[in-house]
Structures are given as structure tokens and as C-alpha cells.
């Protein structure tokens, strides 16, 4: 799924959970960490949501402050005040 050039810059990757993966890349100027996440939907029970956010925080805590860190994915955000039954 990565181009040959990007594969050469991939330093490490780790599956944090079934919903989170973290990849580290070497760039010309700084190291880049990408955390890709797929959050549980709002109807999911509280324990599974808490586990997801704990794993996400643990992944973020593994990054170095001087590196560029991108957190991306489907975070199941809802916009607006009327978010019932959605």
C-alpha cells in the first residue's frame, strides 16, 4: 500500500490495538509519527470506549515531543447540537 519511496522512509510500525496502528517515518528534516485510529461508535459500551481512548493516549505517549505527530482516522465525531439517534 506504500510507494517504494515511502517504504524506504518507514522506520517502524506497531499495531496498538484492533482499532489503532502507529507508523514512524524518517523525513529529510524530522521524524514523523502517524497514529491511525478508528474510534468506536457512540452506542458502544463505556468499557470499550475507555479502552480505545486509553490505547490512543498510550500510543501518543510513545511519540517523541520533537517529532511531528499526526493523529488521523475515523474518530466518529458528531457536529451540531442535535446528535441524538445518529
Protein backbone atom coordinates (compact mmCIF):
# COMPACT_ATOMS: atom_id res chain seq x y z
CA UNK A 1 0.00 0.00 0.00
CA UNK A 2 3.05 2.27 0.22
CA UNK A 3 5.13 3.51 -2.66
CA UNK A 4 8.74 2.31 -2.91
CA UNK A 5 9.97 5.73 -1.79
CA UNK A 6 7.73 5.77 1.29
CA UNK A 7 8.70 2.19 2.20
CA UNK A 8 12.33 3.33 2.32
CA UNK A 9 11.43 6.02 4.86
CA UNK A 10 9.36 3.70 7.08
CA UNK A 11 11.33 3.22 10.30
CA UNK A 12 8.88 1.20 12.39
CA UNK A 13 5.21 0.36 12.80
CA UNK A 14 3.16 -1.11 15.62
CA UNK A 15 -0.40 -2.32 15.99
CA UNK A 16 -1.52 -0.74 19.26
CA UNK A 17 -4.97 -2.37 19.27
CA UNK A 18 -7.50 -3.67 16.77
CA UNK A 19 -8.51 -0.03 16.22
CA UNK A 20 -5.14 1.79 16.32
CA UNK A 21 -1.91 1.48 14.35
CA UNK A 22 1.18 3.66 14.62
CA UNK A 23 3.84 4.15 11.93
CA UNK A 24 7.12 6.07 12.19
CA UNK A 25 8.81 7.62 9.18
CA UNK A 26 12.17 9.31 8.63
CA UNK A 27 11.89 12.51 6.59
CA UNK A 28 14.50 14.91 5.34
CA UNK A 29 14.06 17.24 8.31
CA UNK A 30 12.27 15.44 11.15
CA UNK A 31 10.83 12.10 12.11
CA UNK A 32 7.09 11.76 11.56
CA UNK A 33 4.74 9.53 13.55
CA UNK A 34 1.28 8.78 12.21
CA UNK A 35 -1.34 7.34 14.52
CA UNK A 36 -4.27 5.94 12.53
CA UNK A 37 -7.38 5.30 14.62
CA UNK A 38 -10.90 4.01 14.12
CA UNK A 39 -12.98 5.06 17.13
CA UNK A 40 -15.93 3.03 18.38
CA UNK A 41 -19.37 4.47 17.65
CA UNK A 42 -21.32 6.34 20.28
CA UNK A 43 -23.58 3.36 21.05
CA UNK A 44 -20.58 1.19 22.06
CA UNK A 45 -20.39 0.31 25.74
CA UNK A 46 -18.32 2.52 28.04
CA UNK A 47 -15.59 -0.03 28.74
CA UNK A 48 -14.74 -0.46 25.05
CA UNK A 49 -14.68 3.32 24.55
CA UNK A 50 -12.45 3.76 27.61
CA UNK A 51 -10.08 1.06 26.31
CA UNK A 52 -9.90 2.80 22.93
CA UNK A 53 -9.02 6.19 24.46
CA UNK A 54 -6.52 4.60 26.87
CA UNK A 55 -4.79 2.87 23.92
CA UNK A 56 -4.85 6.10 21.91
CA UNK A 57 -3.27 8.02 24.79
CA UNK A 58 -0.65 5.29 25.26
CA UNK A 59 0.25 5.49 21.56
CA UNK A 60 0.53 9.27 21.76
CA UNK A 61 2.70 8.98 24.89
CA UNK A 62 5.17 6.81 22.92
CA UNK A 63 5.88 9.63 20.47
CA UNK A 64 8.79 11.99 20.93
CA UNK A 65 7.94 15.64 21.52
CA UNK A 66 10.38 16.85 18.86
CA UNK A 67 8.84 14.61 16.17
CA UNK A 68 5.89 15.58 14.03
CA UNK A 69 2.86 13.59 15.20
CA UNK A 70 -0.33 13.19 13.17
CA UNK A 71 -3.43 11.60 14.67
CA UNK A 72 -5.90 10.72 11.96
CA UNK A 73 -8.68 8.35 11.09
CA UNK A 74 -12.38 7.95 11.68
CA UNK A 75 -12.94 9.42 15.11
CA UNK A 76 -16.75 9.27 14.76
CA UNK A 77 -17.21 12.94 15.65
CA UNK A 78 -20.65 14.49 15.55
CA UNK A 79 -21.16 18.12 14.63
CA UNK A 80 -24.00 20.24 15.96
CA UNK A 81 -26.24 20.16 18.99
CA UNK A 82 -28.79 17.62 17.62
CA UNK A 83 -26.85 14.36 17.76
CA UNK A 84 -29.46 12.03 19.19
CA UNK A 85 -30.29 8.81 17.33
CA UNK A 86 -27.39 9.20 14.90
